């Protein structure tokens, strides 16, 4: 591990973390602040990425966990895991834009895979990614995830997930055996 990730600590999120998580997720994906990193969706979507109600529900889900990655008490990244039988779903993956590109995301993804294996004994981790996010899909492919060719529609008209800036958004399922 590099010195950037050696001091990283992980813990499950609790109700007191909701506001900080909403801020982190929004900063990683929406608005001008997100452009400091490479994971921005600002060219594809306006509006919100998540809200306090959605984050609180993810934290409270009995078949899931929201992992926080912190360094010296500062929240730097998070992800959500949800047990789905033989697999676990990986979502809400967010890295503070000013911390992107230094290995933090790789460390969080590796920790998520470990937690999913140890907690639920799952054999694979799956996720959905907007197909227009070619750079992000390539990043996951370099970490062993494969495109499945299984697509699902973007929830147009549901502003809880953002306001699309184009009419052709959809998700593709990616999966990796762990």
N, C-alpha and C. Protein backbone atom coordinates (compact mmCIF):
# COMPACT_ATOMS: atom_id res chain seq x y z
N UNK A 1 0.82 -1.19 0.00
CA UNK A 1 0.00 0.00 0.00
C UNK A 1 0.87 1.25 0.00
N UNK A 2 0.36 2.27 -0.63
CA UNK A 2 1.08 3.54 -0.62
C UNK A 2 0.81 4.28 0.67
N UNK A 3 1.59 5.29 0.93
CA UNK A 3 1.38 6.07 2.15
C UNK A 3 0.02 6.76 2.11
N UNK A 4 -0.53 6.99 0.91
CA UNK A 4 -1.84 7.63 0.79
C UNK A 4 -2.93 6.74 1.37
N UNK A 5 -2.78 5.43 1.33
CA UNK A 5 -3.83 4.54 1.80
C UNK A 5 -3.46 3.80 3.08
N UNK A 6 -2.21 3.88 3.53
CA UNK A 6 -1.79 3.10 4.69
C UNK A 6 -2.47 3.53 5.98
N UNK A 7 -2.85 4.76 6.09
CA UNK A 7 -3.49 5.25 7.31
C UNK A 7 -5.00 5.23 7.22
N UNK A 8 -5.54 4.63 6.20
CA UNK A 8 -6.97 4.60 5.98
C UNK A 8 -7.63 3.64 6.96
N UNK A 9 -8.74 4.07 7.53
CA UNK A 9 -9.53 3.20 8.40
C UNK A 9 -10.93 3.09 7.83
N UNK A 10 -11.57 1.95 8.08
CA UNK A 10 -12.91 1.69 7.59
C UNK A 10 -13.83 1.42 8.76
N UNK A 11 -15.07 1.87 8.63
CA UNK A 11 -16.09 1.57 9.63
C UNK A 11 -17.46 1.64 8.99
N UNK A 12 -18.43 0.94 9.58
CA UNK A 12 -19.79 1.05 9.06
C UNK A 12 -20.38 2.41 9.44
N UNK A 13 -21.20 2.95 8.56
CA UNK A 13 -21.86 4.22 8.83
C UNK A 13 -23.01 4.01 9.80
N UNK A 14 -23.32 5.07 10.54
CA UNK A 14 -24.47 5.08 11.44
C UNK A 14 -25.34 6.29 11.13
N UNK A 15 -26.46 6.41 11.81
CA UNK A 15 -27.38 7.53 11.55
C UNK A 15 -26.72 8.91 11.66
N UNK A 16 -25.75 9.05 12.53
CA UNK A 16 -25.09 10.35 12.70
C UNK A 16 -24.24 10.75 11.49
N UNK A 17 -23.99 9.81 10.59
CA UNK A 17 -23.15 10.07 9.42
C UNK A 17 -23.94 10.52 8.19
N UNK A 18 -25.26 10.56 8.25
CA UNK A 18 -26.09 10.81 7.07
C UNK A 18 -25.72 12.13 6.39
N UNK A 19 -25.68 13.22 7.11
CA UNK A 19 -25.41 14.53 6.49
C UNK A 19 -24.05 14.56 5.81
N UNK A 20 -23.03 14.02 6.46
CA UNK A 20 -21.69 14.01 5.88
C UNK A 20 -21.64 13.13 4.64
N UNK A 21 -22.39 12.03 4.64
CA UNK A 21 -22.42 11.15 3.47
C UNK A 21 -23.12 11.81 2.29
N UNK A 22 -24.23 12.49 2.54
CA UNK A 22 -24.91 13.19 1.45
C UNK A 22 -23.97 14.21 0.82
N UNK A 23 -23.27 14.96 1.66
CA UNK A 23 -22.33 15.98 1.15
C UNK A 23 -21.23 15.33 0.33
N UNK A 24 -20.68 14.23 0.82
CA UNK A 24 -19.61 13.54 0.09
C UNK A 24 -20.09 13.03 -1.27
N UNK A 25 -21.22 12.36 -1.29
CA UNK A 25 -21.74 11.79 -2.54
C UNK A 25 -22.04 12.92 -3.54
N UNK A 26 -22.68 13.96 -3.09
CA UNK A 26 -23.00 15.08 -3.99
C UNK A 26 -21.72 15.71 -4.53
N UNK A 27 -20.71 15.87 -3.68
CA UNK A 27 -19.47 16.52 -4.11
C UNK A 27 -18.72 15.68 -5.14
N UNK A 28 -18.89 14.36 -5.09
CA UNK A 28 -18.18 13.48 -6.01
C UNK A 28 -18.83 13.41 -7.39
N UNK A 29 -20.12 13.71 -7.48
CA UNK A 29 -20.83 13.47 -8.74
C UNK A 29 -21.52 14.67 -9.36
N UNK A 30 -21.89 15.66 -8.58
CA UNK A 30 -22.73 16.73 -9.12
C UNK A 30 -22.10 18.11 -8.91
N UNK A 31 -22.46 19.00 -9.81
CA UNK A 31 -22.06 20.39 -9.69
C UNK A 31 -20.60 20.64 -10.00
N UNK A 32 -20.23 21.91 -9.95
CA UNK A 32 -18.86 22.31 -10.29
C UNK A 32 -17.81 21.72 -9.36
N UNK A 33 -18.14 21.52 -8.09
CA UNK A 33 -17.17 20.95 -7.14
C UNK A 33 -16.73 19.56 -7.59
N UNK A 34 -17.62 18.82 -8.22
CA UNK A 34 -17.30 17.46 -8.65
C UNK A 34 -16.27 17.44 -9.77
N UNK A 35 -16.11 18.54 -10.46
CA UNK A 35 -15.17 18.60 -11.58
C UNK A 35 -13.71 18.58 -11.12
N UNK A 36 -13.47 18.71 -9.82
CA UNK A 36 -12.11 18.61 -9.29
C UNK A 36 -11.60 17.18 -9.39
N UNK A 37 -12.50 16.23 -9.49
CA UNK A 37 -12.14 14.81 -9.64
C UNK A 37 -12.55 14.33 -11.01
N UNK A 38 -12.35 13.04 -11.26
CA UNK A 38 -12.67 12.49 -12.57
C UNK A 38 -13.97 11.70 -12.60
N UNK A 39 -14.66 11.57 -11.45
CA UNK A 39 -15.89 10.77 -11.41
C UNK A 39 -17.15 11.59 -11.61
N UNK A 40 -17.02 12.84 -11.94
CA UNK A 40 -18.19 13.71 -12.08
C UNK A 40 -19.20 13.18 -13.10
N UNK A 41 -20.45 13.40 -12.80
CA UNK A 41 -21.53 13.14 -13.75
C UNK A 41 -22.17 14.45 -14.19
N UNK A 42 -21.50 15.58 -13.89
CA UNK A 42 -22.07 16.90 -14.13
C UNK A 42 -22.40 17.15 -15.60
N UNK A 43 -21.73 16.48 -16.52
CA UNK A 43 -22.04 16.65 -17.94
C UNK A 43 -23.23 15.80 -18.38
N UNK A 44 -23.62 14.83 -17.55
CA UNK A 44 -24.73 13.94 -17.88
C UNK A 44 -26.00 14.26 -17.11
N UNK A 45 -25.84 14.74 -15.88
CA UNK A 45 -26.98 14.93 -14.99
C UNK A 45 -26.85 16.20 -14.17
N UNK A 46 -27.96 16.87 -13.97
CA UNK A 46 -28.06 17.97 -13.02
C UNK A 46 -28.85 17.45 -11.82
N UNK A 47 -29.09 18.32 -10.86
CA UNK A 47 -29.89 17.93 -9.71
C UNK A 47 -29.08 17.09 -8.73
N UNK A 48 -29.78 16.38 -7.89
CA UNK A 48 -29.13 15.63 -6.82
C UNK A 48 -28.74 14.23 -7.25
N UNK A 49 -27.77 13.67 -6.54
CA UNK A 49 -27.38 12.26 -6.73
C UNK A 49 -28.07 11.40 -5.68
N UNK A 50 -28.23 11.96 -4.49
CA UNK A 50 -28.88 11.24 -3.40
C UNK A 50 -29.48 12.25 -2.44
N UNK A 51 -30.12 11.76 -1.41
CA UNK A 51 -30.68 12.65 -0.39
C UNK A 51 -30.58 11.95 0.97
N UNK A 52 -30.88 12.71 2.02
CA UNK A 52 -30.74 12.18 3.38
C UNK A 52 -31.63 10.96 3.59
N UNK A 53 -32.82 10.96 3.02
CA UNK A 53 -33.73 9.83 3.19
C UNK A 53 -33.15 8.55 2.57
N UNK A 54 -32.60 8.67 1.36
CA UNK A 54 -32.01 7.51 0.69
C UNK A 54 -30.79 6.98 1.41
N UNK A 55 -29.94 7.89 1.90
CA UNK A 55 -28.74 7.48 2.63
C UNK A 55 -29.12 6.82 3.95
N UNK A 56 -30.07 7.40 4.66
CA UNK A 56 -30.52 6.82 5.93
C UNK A 56 -31.10 5.42 5.72
N UNK A 57 -31.84 5.25 4.63
CA UNK A 57 -32.41 3.93 4.34
C UNK A 57 -31.31 2.92 4.04
N UNK A 58 -30.26 3.33 3.32
CA UNK A 58 -29.14 2.43 3.02
C UNK A 58 -28.42 2.02 4.30
N UNK A 59 -28.24 2.96 5.20
CA UNK A 59 -27.57 2.68 6.48
C UNK A 59 -28.40 1.71 7.31
N UNK A 60 -29.71 1.88 7.30
CA UNK A 60 -30.60 1.07 8.14
C UNK A 60 -30.95 -0.28 7.53
N UNK A 61 -30.65 -0.50 6.26
CA UNK A 61 -31.04 -1.74 5.58
C UNK A 61 -30.45 -2.95 6.29
N UNK A 62 -31.28 -3.91 6.69
CA UNK A 62 -30.77 -5.08 7.41
C UNK A 62 -29.86 -5.97 6.56
N UNK A 63 -30.02 -5.94 5.24
CA UNK A 63 -29.20 -6.78 4.36
C UNK A 63 -28.07 -5.98 3.73
N UNK A 64 -27.64 -4.92 4.40
CA UNK A 64 -26.60 -4.09 3.80
C UNK A 64 -25.73 -3.39 4.81
N UNK A 65 -24.75 -2.68 4.26
CA UNK A 65 -23.85 -1.87 5.08
C UNK A 65 -23.34 -0.73 4.20
N UNK A 66 -23.18 0.43 4.81
CA UNK A 66 -22.51 1.54 4.15
C UNK A 66 -21.15 1.67 4.83
N UNK A 67 -20.09 1.51 4.05
CA UNK A 67 -18.73 1.59 4.59
C UNK A 67 -18.18 3.00 4.42
N UNK A 68 -17.53 3.48 5.45
CA UNK A 68 -16.85 4.77 5.41
C UNK A 68 -15.36 4.54 5.42
N UNK A 69 -14.66 5.32 4.62
CA UNK A 69 -13.19 5.31 4.62
C UNK A 69 -12.75 6.66 5.16
N UNK A 70 -11.97 6.61 6.22
CA UNK A 70 -11.53 7.84 6.88
C UNK A 70 -10.03 7.83 7.09
N UNK A 71 -9.48 9.01 7.15
CA UNK A 71 -8.08 9.19 7.52
C UNK A 71 -8.05 10.27 8.58
N UNK A 72 -7.53 9.91 9.74
CA UNK A 72 -7.45 10.84 10.87
C UNK A 72 -8.81 11.47 11.15
N UNK A 73 -9.87 10.66 11.08
CA UNK A 73 -11.22 11.12 11.39
C UNK A 73 -11.92 11.87 10.28
N UNK A 74 -11.25 12.10 9.15
CA UNK A 74 -11.87 12.82 8.03
C UNK A 74 -12.47 11.83 7.05
N UNK A 75 -13.75 12.03 6.72
CA UNK A 75 -14.44 11.17 5.77
C UNK A 75 -13.92 11.46 4.37
N UNK A 76 -13.34 10.44 3.72
CA UNK A 76 -12.76 10.61 2.39
C UNK A 76 -13.50 9.83 1.31
N UNK A 77 -14.15 8.74 1.69
CA UNK A 77 -14.81 7.90 0.69
C UNK A 77 -15.86 7.03 1.36
N UNK A 78 -16.75 6.49 0.54
CA UNK A 78 -17.77 5.59 1.06
C UNK A 78 -18.25 4.66 -0.06
N UNK A 79 -18.95 3.62 0.34
CA UNK A 79 -19.64 2.75 -0.59
C UNK A 79 -20.74 2.02 0.16
N UNK A 80 -21.70 1.54 -0.59
CA UNK A 80 -22.80 0.77 -0.05
C UNK A 80 -22.69 -0.66 -0.55
N UNK A 81 -22.93 -1.61 0.32
CA UNK A 81 -23.00 -3.02 -0.06
C UNK A 81 -24.37 -3.54 0.35
N UNK A 82 -24.96 -4.34 -0.53
CA UNK A 82 -26.26 -4.94 -0.25
C UNK A 82 -26.20 -6.42 -0.61
N UNK A 83 -26.52 -7.28 0.35
CA UNK A 83 -26.49 -8.72 0.14
C UNK A 83 -27.67 -9.12 -0.74
N UNK A 84 -27.37 -9.85 -1.83
CA UNK A 84 -28.40 -10.30 -2.77
C UNK A 84 -28.17 -11.76 -3.12
N UNK A 85 -28.30 -12.62 -2.14
CA UNK A 85 -28.11 -14.06 -2.39
C UNK A 85 -26.66 -14.41 -2.59
N UNK A 86 -26.32 -14.93 -3.77
CA UNK A 86 -24.94 -15.34 -4.07
C UNK A 86 -24.02 -14.16 -4.37
N UNK A 87 -24.62 -12.98 -4.56
CA UNK A 87 -23.84 -11.79 -4.89
C UNK A 87 -24.12 -10.69 -3.88
N UNK A 88 -23.31 -9.65 -3.97
CA UNK A 88 -23.58 -8.42 -3.23
C UNK A 88 -23.55 -7.28 -4.24
N UNK A 89 -24.42 -6.32 -4.03
CA UNK A 89 -24.47 -5.13 -4.88
C UNK A 89 -23.57 -4.07 -4.29
N UNK A 90 -22.80 -3.41 -5.15
CA UNK A 90 -21.87 -2.35 -4.76
C UNK A 90 -22.40 -1.05 -5.36
N UNK A 91 -22.62 -0.06 -4.51
CA UNK A 91 -23.14 1.21 -5.00
C UNK A 91 -22.72 2.36 -4.11
N UNK A 92 -23.25 3.53 -4.42
CA UNK A 92 -22.99 4.77 -3.69
C UNK A 92 -21.48 5.00 -3.47
N UNK A 93 -20.68 4.54 -4.41
CA UNK A 93 -19.22 4.65 -4.31
C UNK A 93 -18.82 6.09 -4.57
N UNK A 94 -18.23 6.69 -3.57
CA UNK A 94 -17.86 8.11 -3.67
C UNK A 94 -16.50 8.34 -3.03
N UNK A 95 -15.66 9.08 -3.75
CA UNK A 95 -14.36 9.49 -3.23
C UNK A 95 -14.31 11.02 -3.33
N UNK A 96 -13.92 11.66 -2.26
CA UNK A 96 -13.83 13.12 -2.27
C UNK A 96 -13.01 13.55 -3.49
N UNK A 97 -13.53 14.49 -4.30
CA UNK A 97 -12.86 14.84 -5.57
C UNK A 97 -11.39 15.21 -5.42
N UNK A 98 -11.02 15.90 -4.37
CA UNK A 98 -9.61 16.30 -4.19
C UNK A 98 -8.72 15.13 -3.82
N UNK A 99 -9.31 13.97 -3.52
CA UNK A 99 -8.55 12.78 -3.13
C UNK A 99 -8.51 11.73 -4.23
N UNK A 100 -9.15 12.00 -5.36
CA UNK A 100 -9.23 11.02 -6.44
C UNK A 100 -7.90 10.93 -7.18
N UNK A 101 -7.63 9.72 -7.68
CA UNK A 101 -6.43 9.50 -8.49
C UNK A 101 -5.21 9.07 -7.70
N UNK A 102 -5.35 8.86 -6.40
CA UNK A 102 -4.20 8.48 -5.59
C UNK A 102 -4.27 7.09 -4.98
N UNK A 103 -5.21 6.27 -5.43
CA UNK A 103 -5.30 4.91 -4.91
C UNK A 103 -6.37 4.69 -3.87
N UNK A 104 -7.01 5.75 -3.42
CA UNK A 104 -8.05 5.62 -2.40
C UNK A 104 -9.23 4.78 -2.90
N UNK A 105 -9.68 5.03 -4.12
CA UNK A 105 -10.79 4.26 -4.67
C UNK A 105 -10.47 2.78 -4.77
N UNK A 106 -9.26 2.46 -5.21
CA UNK A 106 -8.85 1.04 -5.28
C UNK A 106 -8.89 0.40 -3.90
N UNK A 107 -8.46 1.14 -2.87
CA UNK A 107 -8.46 0.61 -1.52
C UNK A 107 -9.88 0.37 -1.01
N UNK A 108 -10.79 1.29 -1.31
CA UNK A 108 -12.18 1.13 -0.88
C UNK A 108 -12.82 -0.05 -1.59
N UNK A 109 -12.59 -0.18 -2.89
CA UNK A 109 -13.15 -1.29 -3.65
C UNK A 109 -12.63 -2.63 -3.11
N UNK A 110 -11.35 -2.71 -2.83
CA UNK A 110 -10.78 -3.94 -2.26
C UNK A 110 -11.40 -4.26 -0.90
N UNK A 111 -11.59 -3.25 -0.08
CA UNK A 111 -12.21 -3.46 1.24
C UNK A 111 -13.66 -3.92 1.07
N UNK A 112 -14.38 -3.34 0.12
CA UNK A 112 -15.77 -3.75 -0.12
C UNK A 112 -15.83 -5.22 -0.53
N UNK A 113 -14.93 -5.64 -1.39
CA UNK A 113 -14.90 -7.04 -1.81
C UNK A 113 -14.63 -7.95 -0.62
N UNK A 114 -13.69 -7.55 0.22
CA UNK A 114 -13.36 -8.33 1.42
C UNK A 114 -14.55 -8.43 2.37
N UNK A 115 -15.19 -7.31 2.64
CA UNK A 115 -16.34 -7.29 3.55
C UNK A 115 -17.47 -8.16 3.00
N UNK A 116 -17.75 -8.05 1.71
CA UNK A 116 -18.83 -8.85 1.11
C UNK A 116 -18.54 -10.34 1.22
N UNK A 117 -17.30 -10.74 0.97
CA UNK A 117 -16.92 -12.16 1.10
C UNK A 117 -17.04 -12.62 2.54
N UNK A 118 -16.46 -11.85 3.46
CA UNK A 118 -16.42 -12.28 4.86
C UNK A 118 -17.78 -12.21 5.54
N UNK A 119 -18.56 -11.18 5.26
CA UNK A 119 -19.84 -10.98 5.94
C UNK A 119 -20.91 -11.93 5.43
N UNK A 120 -20.97 -12.12 4.11
CA UNK A 120 -22.07 -12.87 3.52
C UNK A 120 -21.63 -14.11 2.76
N UNK A 121 -20.34 -14.30 2.57
CA UNK A 121 -19.86 -15.46 1.83
C UNK A 121 -20.26 -15.43 0.36
N UNK A 122 -20.44 -14.26 -0.19
CA UNK A 122 -20.87 -14.16 -1.59
C UNK A 122 -19.72 -14.51 -2.53
N UNK A 123 -20.10 -14.87 -3.76
CA UNK A 123 -19.11 -15.27 -4.74
C UNK A 123 -18.83 -14.18 -5.78
N UNK A 124 -19.62 -13.11 -5.76
CA UNK A 124 -19.43 -12.06 -6.75
C UNK A 124 -19.94 -10.72 -6.23
N UNK A 125 -19.37 -9.68 -6.76
CA UNK A 125 -19.83 -8.31 -6.50
C UNK A 125 -20.34 -7.77 -7.82
N UNK A 126 -21.50 -7.13 -7.80
CA UNK A 126 -22.07 -6.55 -9.01
C UNK A 126 -22.44 -5.09 -8.77
N UNK A 127 -22.56 -4.38 -9.86
CA UNK A 127 -22.90 -2.95 -9.79
C UNK A 127 -23.55 -2.56 -11.10
N UNK A 128 -24.13 -1.38 -11.14
CA UNK A 128 -24.61 -0.81 -12.39
C UNK A 128 -23.91 0.53 -12.59
N UNK A 129 -23.54 0.79 -13.85
CA UNK A 129 -22.82 2.02 -14.20
C UNK A 129 -23.50 2.61 -15.44
N UNK A 130 -23.65 3.91 -15.45
CA UNK A 130 -24.20 4.58 -16.63
C UNK A 130 -23.27 4.29 -17.81
N UNK A 131 -23.82 3.77 -18.90
CA UNK A 131 -22.99 3.31 -20.02
C UNK A 131 -22.16 4.43 -20.65
N UNK A 132 -22.60 5.66 -20.54
CA UNK A 132 -21.84 6.78 -21.09
C UNK A 132 -20.58 7.09 -20.29
N UNK A 133 -20.39 6.45 -19.15
CA UNK A 133 -19.23 6.66 -18.30
C UNK A 133 -18.10 5.71 -18.70
N UNK A 134 -17.64 5.82 -19.93
CA UNK A 134 -16.65 4.89 -20.49
C UNK A 134 -15.37 4.85 -19.66
N UNK A 135 -14.89 5.99 -19.18
CA UNK A 135 -13.66 6.03 -18.39
C UNK A 135 -13.84 5.28 -17.07
N UNK A 136 -15.00 5.43 -16.46
CA UNK A 136 -15.27 4.73 -15.20
C UNK A 136 -15.41 3.22 -15.44
N UNK A 137 -16.11 2.83 -16.48
CA UNK A 137 -16.24 1.41 -16.80
C UNK A 137 -14.85 0.80 -17.06
N UNK A 138 -14.01 1.52 -17.77
CA UNK A 138 -12.64 1.03 -18.02
C UNK A 138 -11.87 0.87 -16.71
N UNK A 139 -12.06 1.78 -15.77
CA UNK A 139 -11.41 1.69 -14.46
C UNK A 139 -11.84 0.40 -13.76
N UNK A 140 -13.14 0.10 -13.77
CA UNK A 140 -13.62 -1.14 -13.15
C UNK A 140 -13.10 -2.37 -13.90
N UNK A 141 -13.03 -2.31 -15.21
CA UNK A 141 -12.51 -3.45 -15.98
C UNK A 141 -11.06 -3.73 -15.61
N UNK A 142 -10.27 -2.70 -15.37
CA UNK A 142 -8.88 -2.90 -14.95
C UNK A 142 -8.80 -3.55 -13.58
N UNK A 143 -9.85 -3.52 -12.81
CA UNK A 143 -9.91 -4.15 -11.50
C UNK A 143 -10.64 -5.49 -11.53
N UNK A 144 -10.85 -6.03 -12.73
CA UNK A 144 -11.40 -7.36 -12.86
C UNK A 144 -12.90 -7.45 -13.09
N UNK A 145 -13.58 -6.35 -13.15
CA UNK A 145 -15.03 -6.38 -13.42
C UNK A 145 -15.24 -6.54 -14.92
N UNK A 146 -16.33 -7.23 -15.26
CA UNK A 146 -16.62 -7.42 -16.68
C UNK A 146 -18.02 -6.90 -16.98
N UNK A 147 -18.15 -6.40 -18.18
CA UNK A 147 -19.44 -5.92 -18.66
C UNK A 147 -20.30 -7.15 -18.98
N UNK A 148 -21.55 -7.10 -18.60
CA UNK A 148 -22.43 -8.25 -18.80
C UNK A 148 -23.32 -8.12 -20.03
N UNK A 149 -23.47 -6.91 -20.55
CA UNK A 149 -24.42 -6.70 -21.64
C UNK A 149 -25.86 -6.64 -21.15
N UNK A 150 -26.04 -6.66 -19.82
CA UNK A 150 -27.38 -6.53 -19.23
C UNK A 150 -27.60 -5.05 -18.92
N UNK A 151 -28.65 -4.49 -19.50
CA UNK A 151 -28.92 -3.06 -19.35
C UNK A 151 -30.23 -2.84 -18.61
N UNK A 152 -30.31 -1.71 -17.94
CA UNK A 152 -31.55 -1.28 -17.30
C UNK A 152 -31.72 0.21 -17.58
N UNK A 153 -32.96 0.66 -17.62
CA UNK A 153 -33.21 2.05 -17.99
C UNK A 153 -32.84 3.02 -16.86
N UNK A 154 -32.49 4.22 -17.24
CA UNK A 154 -32.30 5.29 -16.27
C UNK A 154 -33.69 5.72 -15.80
N UNK A 155 -33.87 6.03 -14.52
CA UNK A 155 -35.21 6.41 -14.03
C UNK A 155 -35.59 7.86 -14.40
N UNK A 156 -35.80 8.07 -15.69
CA UNK A 156 -36.23 9.40 -16.15
C UNK A 156 -37.51 9.79 -15.43
N UNK A 157 -37.59 11.06 -15.05
CA UNK A 157 -38.77 11.57 -14.38
C UNK A 157 -38.72 11.46 -12.87
N UNK A 158 -37.74 10.74 -12.32
CA UNK A 158 -37.58 10.62 -10.87
C UNK A 158 -36.37 11.46 -10.47
N UNK A 159 -36.63 12.69 -10.07
CA UNK A 159 -35.55 13.63 -9.80
C UNK A 159 -34.71 13.28 -8.57
N UNK A 160 -35.12 12.24 -7.81
CA UNK A 160 -34.27 11.79 -6.71
C UNK A 160 -32.94 11.28 -7.23
N UNK A 161 -32.88 10.90 -8.52
CA UNK A 161 -31.67 10.35 -9.11
C UNK A 161 -30.98 11.34 -10.04
N UNK A 162 -31.51 12.55 -10.12
CA UNK A 162 -30.91 13.57 -10.96
C UNK A 162 -31.82 13.95 -12.12
N UNK A 163 -31.42 15.02 -12.78
CA UNK A 163 -32.15 15.53 -13.94
C UNK A 163 -31.26 15.31 -15.16
N UNK A 164 -31.61 14.36 -16.01
CA UNK A 164 -30.77 14.02 -17.16
C UNK A 164 -30.57 15.21 -18.11
N UNK A 165 -29.37 15.31 -18.63
CA UNK A 165 -29.03 16.33 -19.62
C UNK A 165 -29.06 15.77 -21.03
N UNK A 166 -29.38 14.47 -21.16
CA UNK A 166 -29.46 13.82 -22.48
C UNK A 166 -30.48 12.69 -22.40
N UNK A 167 -31.03 12.29 -23.55
CA UNK A 167 -32.14 11.33 -23.55
C UNK A 167 -31.75 9.85 -23.64
N UNK A 168 -30.46 9.53 -23.67
CA UNK A 168 -30.05 8.15 -23.95
C UNK A 168 -29.35 7.46 -22.79
N UNK A 169 -29.54 7.93 -21.57
CA UNK A 169 -28.86 7.32 -20.42
C UNK A 169 -29.46 5.96 -20.10
N UNK A 170 -28.59 5.03 -19.75
CA UNK A 170 -29.02 3.72 -19.26
C UNK A 170 -27.86 3.13 -18.47
N UNK A 171 -28.15 2.09 -17.71
CA UNK A 171 -27.16 1.44 -16.88
C UNK A 171 -26.76 0.10 -17.48
N UNK A 172 -25.50 -0.29 -17.26
CA UNK A 172 -25.06 -1.63 -17.58
C UNK A 172 -24.58 -2.28 -16.30
N UNK A 173 -24.90 -3.55 -16.15
CA UNK A 173 -24.46 -4.33 -14.99
C UNK A 173 -23.04 -4.81 -15.23
N UNK A 174 -22.17 -4.60 -14.24
CA UNK A 174 -20.81 -5.12 -14.22
C UNK A 174 -20.72 -6.12 -13.08
N UNK A 175 -19.88 -7.13 -13.22
CA UNK A 175 -19.78 -8.17 -12.20
C UNK A 175 -18.33 -8.67 -12.12
N UNK A 176 -17.97 -9.11 -10.92
CA UNK A 176 -16.64 -9.69 -10.69
C UNK A 176 -16.78 -10.82 -9.67
N UNK A 177 -16.19 -11.96 -9.97
CA UNK A 177 -16.11 -13.02 -8.99
C UNK A 177 -15.10 -12.62 -7.91
N UNK A 178 -15.49 -12.85 -6.66
CA UNK A 178 -14.59 -12.44 -5.55
C UNK A 178 -14.30 -13.62 -4.64
